[in-house]
Amino acid sequence: MVSTLVRDAAPDWLHDDAAEQESKDAADVAAASGHPALAECWKAAALLTEFANGNPGDDQAELWRFEATERIVQCASAVVDGYDERVEELAREARGERAAIALGRLENQGPVTAERIAALDDETRQLLEWYARPFPIEWLFAPERDTFGCILRKRVIVLFHGPGGLSLGLRDILGADADIIGVDLDGGAVATATAAGFRVIHADVTALDPENPALQHVSIIALTPPCQAFTPSGLGRGRYAAAIDVICRVILEASAAAGFVPWEHSPTGYAPRSGDTWDEVRAPLAQLEDPRAGLMAEVIIWPLGMLARPGSILECVMVEQSSALPRQIEDALFTELKQAGWHTTEAWTLDAVNYGASHRKRRFMAAHRGAERPFVDVVPAEPIPAPTFAQVVGWPTGRTYLTRGHRPVDPATGRAKGGGSRSADLPSTCVTATAYGWADSETGETISQADIGRLVGFPGDHPWTHVGRGRGVRNVAQQAADAVCPMVSAAIFGRILGDADWETKVRHYVHQLYGIDTGTTIAEPEQLHLFTEEPATKAA
């Protein structure tokens, strides 16, 4: 016990106090005997003691054993004193150490395959599932590599995943063999994406831990936080000076919490971590008038949090946001990413109409680790032809559609009063949540959810799903309105992955989706193999 160590090292006049403390510790341990949290602490201490005994002379192992033994006393005292929150904290700490030890032992026995995971005993499996939660247990283990040491199937996490636009561009247009997991709070969007064959976790991004051990082997993180707080069409509360100031300050605090504030007196080049939890870092965001604006802070919290975990291989960050995102926020994000080692940062404002879809202007940002800049251009050599609204929804030419409901027609212009009238012989305006009510100005004919999805770039059979009461017409329209255009996703990921054929693949997809001439006739795209890294050296 720690009190025994104190007594042995103390002067004679302190021995009585040390003995009294040791007696109290022993009484607390006895009184708390049988408590599940204390049992967890005992198990961890036994494992770390075994490890220290097997590694004599290892100062770190001795320190771990000492801390694990001390934790037994701390937990027992917390149980006796009724500090339940502290009890749970210590139990989680101990259980995490047990899981880390189990993980390390499995990896020391050789590559952890799906077969080895399936053969785990129930206790070990449950422990590791808890350790990885809510991510899959296999993500705790390093991905398979080829003979040159290159990752065969890189892992990608997509936060604010939505119905699948970003993942469609990566999986279906580029044909990339990636291990993708999404996270989203909208149950309908999760159901839609799941039905489309994606793995999506139904959870609040802000409630998850970016330092989760299951994220250690993730190569790419993509984030598409809600844009309504920044778009000019809304109230734009995220563009208020006070909101910008709060978000930028949180971005700075995130860098300090992750340990990436430059400090010349440190051997690592960075100051020690501030000690703030991620919840404490996020706390100032609660004062924002529009909480959605604060989600931009996740763009820095997650990559830096993931990178702060030893052994992280995170190499790229990709972000999609409103084209009206304040420059101060973008600059703050890029400053902190550069300080943390993302040597290349870049941004573009892209309109999906130039990639074969409806108008949808968005800001895209990317940050890359490593000295080499991406070599593939994100802009097509020539704009990819976009279908007209009429071609997408199957109307004849010469029609006009209304986007603000039926309004009287101004005889002088032939257009609806108050705007919202547009020729169907042009590419569609940006899809919004009210698109389910877009209608022919003369007949009143409305468009279907499949049409709405196709306007954004989704296949006509995309499984739009509503969760909850009613038909959810607006809910599924909102899903499409919030989504990233799959064709633009393919362009961005094409640059990230170095896929020089992304434009050809997008043209093929647009041709297949809308049946229009895109200036190329190609066979089905082959699976993208550019996810493997170029080895540093190869055998001659």
Protein backbone atom coordinates (compact mmCIF):
# COMPACT_ATOMS: atom_id res chain seq x y z
CA MET A 1 0.00 0.00 0.00
CA VAL A 2 1.09 3.56 -0.60
CA SER A 3 0.84 4.39 3.11
CA THR A 4 3.38 1.64 3.83
CA LEU A 5 5.84 3.21 1.40
CA VAL A 6 5.34 6.61 3.03
CA ARG A 7 5.94 5.16 6.50
CA ASP A 8 9.14 3.38 5.48
CA ALA A 9 10.63 6.54 3.93
CA ALA A 10 9.52 9.00 6.65
CA PRO A 11 11.50 10.22 9.72
CA ASP A 12 10.77 8.52 13.03
CA TRP A 13 8.50 11.32 14.27
CA LEU A 14 6.17 10.72 11.32
CA HIS A 15 5.89 6.98 11.75
CA ASP A 16 2.91 7.18 14.08
CA ASP A 17 0.95 9.33 11.62
CA ALA A 18 1.88 7.01 8.75
CA ALA A 19 0.81 3.98 10.77
CA GLU A 20 -2.50 5.64 11.58
CA GLN A 21 -3.07 6.41 7.89
CA GLU A 22 -2.20 2.84 6.95
CA SER A 23 -4.69 1.55 9.48
CA LYS A 24 -7.42 3.81 8.06
CA ASP A 25 -6.58 2.68 4.51
CA ALA A 26 -6.84 -0.96 5.51
CA ALA A 27 -10.16 -0.29 7.22
CA ASP A 28 -11.53 1.44 4.13
CA VAL A 29 -10.42 -1.43 1.89
CA ALA A 30 -12.11 -3.91 4.20
CA ALA A 31 -15.30 -1.84 4.38
CA ALA A 32 -15.47 -1.50 0.59
CA SER A 33 -14.76 -5.19 0.01
CA GLY A 34 -17.05 -6.66 -2.62
CA HIS A 35 -17.79 -3.35 -4.35
CA PRO A 36 -17.55 -3.88 -8.17
CA ALA A 37 -15.38 -0.81 -8.65
CA LEU A 38 -12.90 -1.95 -6.03
CA ALA A 39 -12.81 -5.41 -7.59
CA GLU A 40 -11.93 -3.74 -10.91
CA CYS A 41 -9.07 -1.88 -9.26
CA TRP A 42 -7.76 -5.09 -7.67
CA LYS A 43 -7.78 -6.86 -11.06
CA ALA A 44 -5.81 -4.06 -12.69
CA ALA A 45 -3.30 -3.97 -9.84
CA ALA A 46 -2.76 -7.73 -10.10
CA LEU A 47 -2.07 -7.50 -13.83
CA LEU A 48 0.32 -4.57 -13.44
CA THR A 49 2.11 -6.27 -10.57
CA GLU A 50 2.53 -9.36 -12.75
CA PHE A 51 3.90 -7.15 -15.52
CA ALA A 52 6.34 -5.40 -13.18
CA ASN A 53 7.56 -8.71 -11.78
CA GLY A 54 8.17 -9.93 -15.31
CA ASN A 55 10.18 -6.81 -16.13
CA PRO A 56 12.56 -6.28 -13.19
CA GLY A 57 14.43 -2.98 -13.33
CA ASP A 58 11.79 -1.34 -15.52
CA ASP A 59 11.07 1.95 -13.73
CA GLN A 60 7.93 2.60 -15.77
CA ALA A 61 6.50 -0.81 -14.89
CA GLU A 62 7.23 -0.15 -11.20
CA LEU A 63 5.48 3.21 -11.43
CA TRP A 64 2.41 1.58 -13.00
CA ARG A 65 2.31 -1.02 -10.21
CA PHE A 66 2.64 1.69 -7.56
CA GLU A 67 -0.15 3.80 -9.09
CA ALA A 68 -2.44 0.78 -9.47
CA THR A 69 -1.91 -0.13 -5.80
CA GLU A 70 -2.54 3.44 -4.74
CA ARG A 71 -5.75 3.44 -6.78
CA ILE A 72 -7.11 0.57 -4.66
CA VAL A 73 -6.89 2.76 -1.56
CA GLN A 74 -8.31 5.79 -3.37
CA CYS A 75 -11.25 3.76 -4.64
CA ALA A 76 -11.96 2.21 -1.24
CA SER A 77 -11.89 5.63 0.45
CA ALA A 78 -14.21 7.07 -2.22
CA VAL A 79 -16.64 4.17 -1.70
CA VAL A 80 -16.65 4.67 2.08
CA ASP A 81 -17.05 8.45 1.77
CA GLY A 82 -19.82 8.15 -0.81
CA TYR A 83 -18.03 9.88 -3.69
CA ASP A 84 -19.78 7.87 -6.39
CA GLU A 85 -18.51 9.90 -9.34
CA ARG A 86 -14.91 9.42 -8.22
CA VAL A 87 -15.55 5.71 -7.70
CA GLU A 88 -16.78 5.31 -11.27
CA GLU A 89 -13.86 7.34 -12.62
CA LEU A 90 -11.32 5.11 -10.87
CA ALA A 91 -13.13 1.96 -12.01
CA ARG A 92 -13.09 3.13 -15.64
CA GLU A 93 -9.42 3.95 -15.34
CA ALA A 94 -8.63 0.49 -13.99
CA ARG A 95 -10.77 -1.28 -16.55
CA GLY A 96 -9.13 0.71 -19.34
CA GLU A 97 -5.71 -0.46 -18.15
CA ARG A 98 -6.90 -4.06 -18.12
CA ALA A 99 -8.20 -3.65 -21.67
CA ALA A 100 -4.94 -2.08 -22.82
CA ILE A 101 -2.99 -4.99 -21.35
CA ALA A 102 -5.27 -7.53 -23.05
CA LEU A 103 -4.91 -5.64 -26.32
CA GLY A 104 -1.14 -5.55 -26.04
CA ARG A 105 -0.90 -9.28 -25.31
CA LEU A 106 -3.00 -10.13 -28.34
CA GLU A 107 -0.89 -7.94 -30.61
CA ASN A 108 2.35 -9.38 -29.22
CA GLN A 109 1.19 -12.82 -30.38
CA GLY A 110 1.11 -11.70 -34.01
CA PRO A 111 -1.29 -9.98 -36.43
CA VAL A 112 -4.83 -9.91 -35.06
CA THR A 113 -7.06 -11.33 -37.79
CA ALA A 114 -10.83 -11.62 -37.96
CA GLU A 115 -10.45 -15.29 -37.09
CA ARG A 116 -8.50 -14.49 -33.93
CA ILE A 117 -11.08 -11.89 -32.88
CA ALA A 118 -13.87 -14.43 -33.43
CA ALA A 119 -12.03 -16.91 -31.21
CA LEU A 120 -11.74 -14.58 -28.21
CA ASP A 121 -13.19 -15.82 -24.94
CA ASP A 122 -16.34 -14.03 -23.76
CA GLU A 123 -14.64 -12.10 -20.95
CA THR A 124 -11.89 -10.72 -23.17
CA ARG A 125 -14.34 -9.90 -25.95
CA GLN A 126 -16.66 -8.01 -23.61
CA LEU A 127 -13.72 -6.10 -22.15
CA LEU A 128 -12.42 -5.05 -25.58
CA GLU A 129 -15.89 -4.21 -26.87
CA TRP A 130 -16.28 -1.88 -23.88
CA TYR A 131 -12.83 -0.39 -24.63
CA ALA A 132 -13.70 0.31 -28.28
CA ARG A 133 -17.33 1.40 -27.78
CA PRO A 134 -19.09 2.71 -29.82
CA PHE A 135 -16.62 1.70 -32.52
CA PRO A 136 -16.12 -1.92 -33.65
CA ILE A 137 -13.69 -4.11 -31.77
CA GLU A 138 -11.60 -4.76 -34.89
CA TRP A 139 -10.67 -1.06 -35.03
CA LEU A 140 -8.63 -1.55 -31.86
CA PHE A 141 -6.13 -3.55 -33.86
CA ALA A 142 -3.75 -2.37 -36.55
CA PRO A 143 -5.01 -2.78 -40.13
CA GLU A 144 -3.45 -5.36 -42.40
CA ARG A 145 -0.39 -4.28 -44.37
CA ASP A 146 1.28 -5.57 -47.52
CA THR A 147 4.84 -6.87 -47.83
CA PHE A 148 6.14 -3.29 -48.05
CA GLY A 149 4.40 -2.33 -44.82
CA CYS A 150 1.68 -0.30 -46.54
CA ILE A 151 -1.90 -0.31 -45.21
CA LEU A 152 -4.15 -2.35 -47.48
CA ARG A 153 -7.47 -0.86 -46.39
CA LYS A 154 -7.31 2.52 -44.74
CA ARG A 155 -9.82 3.60 -42.13
CA VAL A 156 -11.93 6.70 -42.59
CA ILE A 157 -14.24 8.27 -40.03
CA VAL A 158 -16.95 10.67 -41.21
CA LEU A 159 -18.51 12.90 -38.55
CA PHE A 160 -21.95 14.43 -39.22
CA HIS A 161 -22.25 11.68 -41.83
CA GLY A 162 -25.81 12.38 -42.94
CA PRO A 163 -27.49 10.16 -45.55
CA GLY A 164 -24.22 9.25 -47.25
CA GLY A 165 -23.19 11.83 -49.86
CA LEU A 166 -19.57 11.98 -48.77
CA SER A 167 -19.24 8.22 -48.46
CA LEU A 168 -20.98 7.64 -51.82
CA GLY A 169 -18.33 9.72 -53.56
CA LEU A 170 -15.59 7.70 -51.91
CA ARG A 171 -17.07 4.22 -52.20
CA ASP A 172 -19.32 4.24 -55.27
CA ILE A 173 -17.80 6.86 -57.58
CA LEU A 174 -14.09 6.43 -56.85
CA GLY A 175 -14.49 2.74 -56.04
CA ALA A 176 -12.16 3.06 -53.05
CA ASP A 177 -11.82 0.00 -50.85
CA ALA A 178 -11.95 1.94 -47.58
CA ASP A 179 -13.15 0.98 -44.12
CA ILE A 180 -15.62 3.82 -43.47
CA ILE A 181 -17.52 4.52 -40.26
CA GLY A 182 -19.85 7.48 -39.88
CA VAL A 183 -21.35 9.21 -36.86
CA ASP A 184 -24.59 11.20 -36.89
CA LEU A 185 -27.23 12.31 -34.40
CA ASP A 186 -30.16 12.32 -36.86
CA GLY A 187 -31.86 8.94 -36.59
CA GLY A 188 -33.43 9.28 -40.03
CA ALA A 189 -30.12 10.07 -41.71
CA VAL A 190 -28.51 7.13 -39.89
CA ALA A 191 -31.30 4.82 -41.07
CA THR A 192 -30.94 6.07 -44.64
CA ALA A 193 -27.17 5.63 -44.70
CA THR A 194 -27.39 2.21 -43.05
CA ALA A 195 -29.93 1.06 -45.62
CA ALA A 196 -27.48 2.22 -48.29
CA GLY A 197 -24.85 -0.13 -46.90
CA PHE A 198 -22.78 2.22 -44.74
CA ARG A 199 -21.75 1.68 -41.13
CA VAL A 200 -23.05 4.67 -39.19
CA ILE A 201 -23.16 5.13 -35.42
CA HIS A 202 -26.20 6.93 -34.06
CA ALA A 203 -24.59 9.30 -31.56
CA ASP A 204 -23.86 12.91 -30.69
CA VAL A 205 -20.38 13.75 -31.96
CA THR A 206 -19.78 16.00 -28.94
CA ALA A 207 -20.54 13.13 -26.54
CA LEU A 208 -17.81 10.85 -27.93
CA ASP A 209 -14.12 10.78 -27.04
CA PRO A 210 -11.72 11.70 -29.87
CA GLU A 211 -9.00 9.86 -27.94
CA ASN A 212 -10.89 6.58 -28.07
CA PRO A 213 -8.28 3.80 -28.53
CA ALA A 214 -10.27 2.44 -31.48
CA LEU A 215 -9.35 5.57 -33.47
CA GLN A 216 -5.58 5.11 -33.19
CA HIS A 217 -5.35 3.51 -36.63
CA VAL A 218 -7.66 5.93 -38.51
CA SER A 219 -5.94 7.55 -41.50
CA ILE A 220 -8.53 10.13 -42.60
CA ILE A 221 -11.19 12.11 -40.77
CA ALA A 222 -13.91 14.01 -42.62
CA LEU A 223 -16.29 16.42 -40.90
CA THR A 224 -19.38 18.10 -42.35
CA PRO A 225 -20.89 20.09 -39.43
CA PRO A 226 -24.28 21.76 -39.98
CA CYS A 227 -24.00 24.97 -42.00
CA GLN A 228 -27.29 26.70 -41.12
CA ALA A 229 -25.65 28.99 -38.56
CA PHE A 230 -23.38 30.45 -41.24
CA THR A 231 -25.48 30.49 -44.43
CA PRO A 232 -26.69 33.94 -45.60
CA SER A 233 -30.18 32.52 -46.23
CA GLY A 234 -30.67 31.96 -42.48
CA LEU A 235 -30.20 34.18 -39.46
CA GLY A 236 -26.44 33.72 -39.70
CA ARG A 237 -25.85 33.83 -35.94
CA GLY A 238 -22.58 32.00 -36.39
CA ARG A 239 -21.28 35.03 -38.28
CA TYR A 240 -21.89 37.45 -35.40
CA ALA A 241 -18.66 38.94 -34.07
CA ALA A 242 -19.31 37.59 -30.55
CA ALA A 243 -19.90 34.06 -31.89
CA ILE A 244 -16.74 34.15 -34.01
CA ASP A 245 -14.74 35.24 -30.96
CA VAL A 246 -16.09 32.40 -28.82
CA ILE A 247 -15.43 29.75 -31.49
CA CYS A 248 -11.89 31.00 -32.15
CA ARG A 249 -11.07 30.98 -28.42
CA VAL A 250 -12.32 27.41 -28.12
CA ILE A 251 -10.13 26.44 -31.08
CA LEU A 252 -7.10 27.82 -29.21
CA GLU A 253 -8.10 26.00 -26.01
CA ALA A 254 -8.46 22.75 -27.96
CA SER A 255 -4.87 23.05 -29.12
CA ALA A 256 -3.71 23.55 -25.53
CA ALA A 257 -5.81 20.62 -24.30
CA ALA A 258 -4.29 18.32 -26.92
CA GLY A 259 -0.74 19.48 -26.19
CA PHE A 260 0.09 21.28 -29.44
CA VAL A 261 0.90 24.78 -28.21
CA PRO A 262 4.47 25.56 -29.34
CA TRP A 263 7.01 25.95 -26.52
CA GLU A 264 10.69 26.30 -27.30
CA HIS A 265 11.82 25.02 -23.90
CA SER A 266 10.19 21.61 -24.38
CA PRO A 267 12.08 18.69 -25.96
CA THR A 268 8.96 17.92 -28.01
CA GLY A 269 8.53 21.52 -29.13
CA TYR A 270 5.15 21.73 -27.41
CA ALA A 271 3.95 22.80 -23.97
CA PRO A 272 2.43 20.09 -21.75
CA ARG A 273 -1.27 19.45 -22.17
CA SER A 274 -3.42 21.96 -20.30
CA GLY A 275 -5.31 19.25 -18.42
CA ASP A 276 -8.72 20.46 -19.58
CA THR A 277 -11.16 17.75 -20.60
CA TRP A 278 -12.88 18.00 -23.96
CA ASP A 279 -16.12 18.84 -22.19
CA GLU A 280 -14.35 21.71 -20.45
CA VAL A 281 -12.92 22.90 -23.77
CA ARG A 282 -16.42 22.89 -25.30
CA ALA A 283 -18.09 24.58 -22.32
CA PRO A 284 -17.85 28.20 -23.62
CA LEU A 285 -19.81 27.20 -26.73
CA ALA A 286 -22.94 26.93 -24.58
CA GLN A 287 -23.25 30.73 -24.69
CA LEU A 288 -23.75 30.80 -28.48
CA GLU A 289 -27.20 31.85 -29.67
CA ASP A 290 -27.15 29.10 -32.30
CA PRO A 291 -25.59 25.89 -30.86
CA ARG A 292 -24.97 24.58 -34.38
CA ALA A 293 -22.28 27.24 -34.87
CA GLY A 294 -20.27 25.69 -32.03
CA LEU A 295 -20.01 22.40 -33.90
CA MET A 296 -17.28 23.98 -36.03
CA ALA A 297 -15.03 23.51 -32.99
CA GLU A 298 -15.24 19.75 -33.55
CA VAL A 299 -13.15 20.34 -36.69
CA ILE A 300 -10.17 20.96 -34.41
CA ILE A 301 -11.14 18.95 -31.31
CA TRP A 302 -11.32 15.63 -33.14
CA PRO A 303 -8.13 15.66 -35.24
CA LEU A 304 -6.02 17.08 -32.42
CA GLY A 305 -7.60 14.75 -29.87
CA MET A 306 -6.94 11.75 -32.11
CA LEU A 307 -3.37 12.87 -32.78
CA ALA A 308 -2.73 13.38 -29.07
CA ARG A 309 -3.08 9.63 -28.49
CA PRO A 310 0.37 8.00 -28.82
CA GLY A 311 0.72 5.93 -31.97
CA SER A 312 -1.91 7.79 -34.00
CA ILE A 313 -1.44 7.53 -37.77
CA LEU A 314 -3.98 10.24 -38.71
CA GLU A 315 -2.74 11.86 -41.89
CA CYS A 316 -5.56 13.92 -43.40
CA VAL A 317 -8.49 16.11 -42.32
CA MET A 318 -11.28 17.10 -44.73
CA VAL A 319 -14.06 19.58 -43.90
CA GLU A 320 -17.21 20.77 -45.69
CA GLN A 321 -19.04 23.90 -44.58
CA SER A 322 -21.05 26.89 -45.84
CA SER A 323 -19.30 29.07 -48.41
CA ALA A 324 -20.05 31.95 -45.99
CA LEU A 325 -17.93 30.49 -43.17
CA PRO A 326 -16.16 33.46 -41.53
CA ARG A 327 -12.55 33.75 -42.59
CA GLN A 328 -11.44 34.22 -38.96
CA ILE A 329 -12.68 30.73 -38.06
CA GLU A 330 -11.02 29.13 -41.07
CA ASP A 331 -7.73 30.91 -40.33
CA ALA A 332 -7.86 29.83 -36.68
CA LEU A 333 -8.44 26.20 -37.66
CA PHE A 334 -5.58 26.18 -40.16
CA THR A 335 -3.20 27.88 -37.73
CA GLU A 336 -3.70 25.19 -35.08
CA LEU A 337 -3.56 22.35 -37.61
CA LYS A 338 -0.27 23.64 -39.00
CA GLN A 339 1.20 23.89 -35.51
CA ALA A 340 0.25 20.27 -34.91
CA GLY A 341 2.09 19.07 -38.01
CA TRP A 342 -0.38 19.29 -40.88
CA HIS A 343 2.10 20.87 -43.27
CA THR A 344 -0.31 21.43 -46.17
CA THR A 345 -3.60 23.26 -45.65
CA GLU A 346 -5.87 24.29 -48.51
CA ALA A 347 -9.42 25.44 -49.17
CA TRP A 348 -11.77 25.91 -52.11
CA THR A 349 -15.26 27.25 -52.65
CA LEU A 350 -16.84 24.81 -55.08
CA ASP A 351 -20.22 24.77 -56.81
CA ALA A 352 -21.63 21.28 -57.45
CA VAL A 353 -23.08 22.46 -60.78
CA ASN A 354 -19.55 22.29 -62.20
CA TYR A 355 -19.40 18.62 -61.21
CA GLY A 356 -22.62 17.54 -62.91
CA ALA A 357 -25.20 18.25 -60.19
CA SER A 358 -27.48 21.10 -59.11
CA HIS A 359 -26.13 24.39 -57.79
CA ARG A 360 -24.67 23.89 -54.31
CA LYS A 361 -21.86 26.22 -53.32
CA ARG A 362 -19.83 25.00 -50.35
CA ARG A 363 -16.47 25.65 -48.70
CA PHE A 364 -14.13 22.66 -48.60
CA MET A 365 -10.97 22.54 -46.51
CA ALA A 366 -8.25 19.93 -46.27
CA ALA A 367 -5.10 19.48 -44.22
CA HIS A 368 -2.39 16.92 -44.94
CA ARG A 369 0.53 15.64 -42.89
CA GLY A 370 3.81 15.00 -44.63
CA ALA A 371 6.03 17.18 -46.78
CA GLU A 372 4.47 16.30 -50.15
CA ARG A 373 1.57 18.38 -51.46
CA PRO A 374 -1.30 16.55 -53.22
CA PHE A 375 -0.66 16.48 -56.96
CA VAL A 376 -4.18 15.93 -58.35
CA ASP A 377 -6.28 19.02 -59.12
CA VAL A 378 -9.67 19.24 -57.45
CA VAL A 379 -11.16 21.25 -60.32
CA PRO A 380 -12.17 19.40 -63.51
CA ALA A 381 -10.28 20.29 -66.67
CA GLU A 382 -13.65 21.44 -68.07
CA PRO A 383 -16.90 21.85 -66.14
CA ILE A 384 -18.76 18.55 -66.12
CA PRO A 385 -22.13 19.04 -67.88
CA ALA A 386 -25.01 19.29 -65.44
CA PRO A 387 -28.55 18.18 -66.28
CA THR A 388 -31.41 20.62 -66.31
CA PHE A 389 -34.05 20.45 -63.62
CA ALA A 390 -36.46 19.05 -66.22
CA GLN A 391 -34.04 16.30 -67.24
CA VAL A 392 -33.61 15.18 -63.63
CA VAL A 393 -37.33 15.04 -62.76
CA GLY A 394 -38.53 13.86 -66.18
CA TRP A 395 -40.45 16.94 -67.29
CA PRO A 396 -40.73 18.20 -70.86
CA THR A 397 -38.96 21.44 -71.78
CA GLY A 398 -40.55 24.83 -71.39
CA ARG A 399 -41.78 24.46 -67.83
CA THR A 400 -41.22 26.70 -64.82
CA TYR A 401 -41.04 25.48 -61.23
CA LEU A 402 -41.81 27.34 -58.02
CA THR A 403 -39.64 27.02 -54.91
CA ARG A 404 -41.74 29.22 -52.60
CA GLY A 405 -45.18 27.77 -53.11
CA HIS A 406 -47.87 29.06 -55.44
CA ARG A 407 -47.78 32.84 -55.81
CA PRO A 408 -49.59 35.20 -58.18
CA VAL A 409 -47.80 35.66 -61.51
CA ASP A 410 -46.60 39.14 -62.37
CA PRO A 411 -48.00 39.79 -65.89
CA ALA A 412 -45.10 42.12 -66.67
CA THR A 413 -42.47 39.46 -66.15
CA GLY A 414 -44.39 36.21 -66.38
CA ARG A 415 -42.73 35.11 -63.12
CA ALA A 416 -44.15 34.52 -59.66
CA LYS A 417 -44.32 37.61 -57.49
CA GLY A 418 -41.84 37.57 -54.64
CA GLY A 419 -39.38 35.32 -56.45
CA GLY A 420 -39.06 31.59 -56.24
CA SER A 421 -39.80 31.04 -59.94
CA ARG A 422 -37.19 29.36 -62.13
CA SER A 423 -36.97 27.81 -65.57
CA ALA A 424 -36.85 24.02 -65.48
CA ASP A 425 -34.58 24.15 -68.53
CA LEU A 426 -31.65 25.25 -66.35
CA PRO A 427 -29.69 23.28 -63.75
CA SER A 428 -31.55 23.25 -60.45
CA THR A 429 -31.06 25.86 -57.80
CA CYS A 430 -29.69 24.60 -54.46
CA VAL A 431 -31.96 22.01 -52.88
CA THR A 432 -33.44 23.00 -49.52
CA ALA A 433 -35.66 21.26 -46.96
CA THR A 434 -38.73 22.73 -48.70
CA ALA A 435 -37.93 21.01 -51.99
CA TYR A 436 -40.75 18.52 -51.36
CA GLY A 437 -43.10 21.41 -52.23
CA TRP A 438 -41.35 22.52 -55.43
CA ALA A 439 -43.98 22.41 -58.14
CA ASP A 440 -44.80 23.16 -61.77
CA SER A 441 -46.03 26.76 -61.90
CA GLU A 442 -49.01 25.82 -64.07
CA THR A 443 -50.04 22.27 -63.21
CA GLY A 444 -48.97 22.22 -59.56
CA GLU A 445 -47.16 18.93 -60.13
CA THR A 446 -44.62 18.39 -57.32
CA ILE A 447 -41.40 16.42 -57.37
CA SER A 448 -40.69 13.18 -55.49
CA GLN A 449 -38.07 12.45 -52.84
CA ALA A 450 -36.20 10.38 -55.42
CA ASP A 451 -36.12 13.49 -57.63
CA ILE A 452 -34.84 15.60 -54.74
CA GLY A 453 -32.06 13.11 -54.09
CA ARG A 454 -31.13 12.95 -57.78
CA LEU A 455 -30.90 16.75 -57.93
CA VAL A 456 -28.20 16.53 -55.24
CA GLY A 457 -26.44 13.62 -56.97
CA PHE A 458 -27.83 10.54 -55.24
CA PRO A 459 -29.03 7.49 -57.19
CA GLY A 460 -32.76 7.34 -57.81
CA ASP A 461 -33.07 4.25 -55.61
CA HIS A 462 -31.24 5.71 -52.62
CA PRO A 463 -33.20 4.37 -49.61
CA TRP A 464 -34.43 7.62 -48.03
CA THR A 465 -35.79 6.67 -44.62
CA HIS A 466 -37.78 8.57 -42.00
CA VAL A 467 -37.68 7.59 -38.33
CA GLY A 468 -40.55 8.76 -36.17
CA ARG A 469 -44.18 9.66 -36.57
CA GLY A 470 -45.85 10.55 -39.84
CA ARG A 471 -44.51 10.33 -43.36
CA GLY A 472 -41.51 12.53 -42.65
CA VAL A 473 -41.66 14.28 -46.03
CA ARG A 474 -39.76 17.31 -44.80
CA ASN A 475 -37.36 15.17 -42.78
CA VAL A 476 -36.08 13.20 -45.77
CA ALA A 477 -35.97 16.35 -47.91
CA GLN A 478 -33.84 17.92 -45.19
CA GLN A 479 -31.49 14.93 -45.33
CA ALA A 480 -30.86 15.58 -49.01
CA ALA A 481 -30.54 19.32 -48.44
CA ASP A 482 -27.85 18.76 -45.80
CA ALA A 483 -25.87 16.19 -47.79
CA VAL A 484 -22.56 16.65 -49.55
CA CYS A 485 -22.86 16.24 -53.31
CA PRO A 486 -21.33 12.80 -54.08
CA MET A 487 -19.61 14.10 -57.23
CA VAL A 488 -17.84 16.87 -55.32
CA SER A 489 -16.91 14.35 -52.63
CA ALA A 490 -15.25 12.23 -55.32
CA ALA A 491 -13.24 15.23 -56.49
CA ILE A 492 -12.02 16.11 -53.00
CA PHE A 493 -11.17 12.53 -52.09
CA GLY A 494 -9.62 12.09 -55.51
CA ARG A 495 -7.13 14.80 -54.63
CA ILE A 496 -6.56 13.43 -51.12
CA LEU A 497 -5.89 9.93 -52.46
CA GLY A 498 -3.98 10.96 -55.55
CA ASP A 499 -6.54 9.40 -57.90
CA ALA A 500 -5.82 11.13 -61.20
CA ASP A 501 -8.88 9.43 -62.77
CA TRP A 502 -11.46 10.96 -60.45
CA GLU A 503 -12.82 13.27 -63.18
CA THR A 504 -13.36 10.40 -65.59
CA LYS A 505 -15.14 8.45 -62.87
CA VAL A 506 -17.38 11.41 -62.03
CA ARG A 507 -18.27 11.93 -65.70
CA HIS A 508 -19.20 8.28 -65.94
CA TYR A 509 -21.34 8.52 -62.81
CA VAL A 510 -23.16 11.61 -64.07
CA HIS A 511 -23.80 9.93 -67.42
CA GLN A 512 -25.19 6.84 -65.71
CA LEU A 513 -27.29 8.87 -63.27
CA TYR A 514 -28.89 11.32 -65.68
CA GLY A 515 -28.34 9.80 -69.13
CA ILE A 516 -26.72 12.97 -70.47
CA ASP A 517 -23.58 13.33 -72.55
CA THR A 518 -20.66 14.22 -70.29
CA GLY A 519 -17.99 14.15 -72.95
CA THR A 520 -16.66 10.69 -72.24
CA THR A 521 -17.65 7.07 -72.68
CA ILE A 522 -15.86 4.72 -70.33
CA ALA A 523 -16.27 1.28 -68.90
CA GLU A 524 -17.28 0.66 -65.31
CA PRO A 525 -14.68 2.26 -62.99
CA GLU A 526 -12.23 -0.14 -61.45
CA GLN A 527 -11.69 -0.38 -57.71
CA LEU A 528 -9.36 2.31 -56.46
CA HIS A 529 -6.09 0.90 -55.12
CA LEU A 530 -4.51 4.23 -54.31
CA PHE A 531 -5.36 3.82 -50.62
CA THR A 532 -2.05 2.03 -50.16
CA GLU A 533 0.83 4.33 -49.40
CA GLU A 534 3.95 4.38 -51.51
CA PRO A 535 6.63 2.51 -49.57
CA ALA A 536 9.74 4.39 -48.59
CA THR A 537 11.90 1.80 -50.37
CA LYS A 538 11.19 -1.10 -52.65
CA ALA A 539 13.19 -4.09 -53.57
CA ALA A 540 14.89 -3.79 -56.93
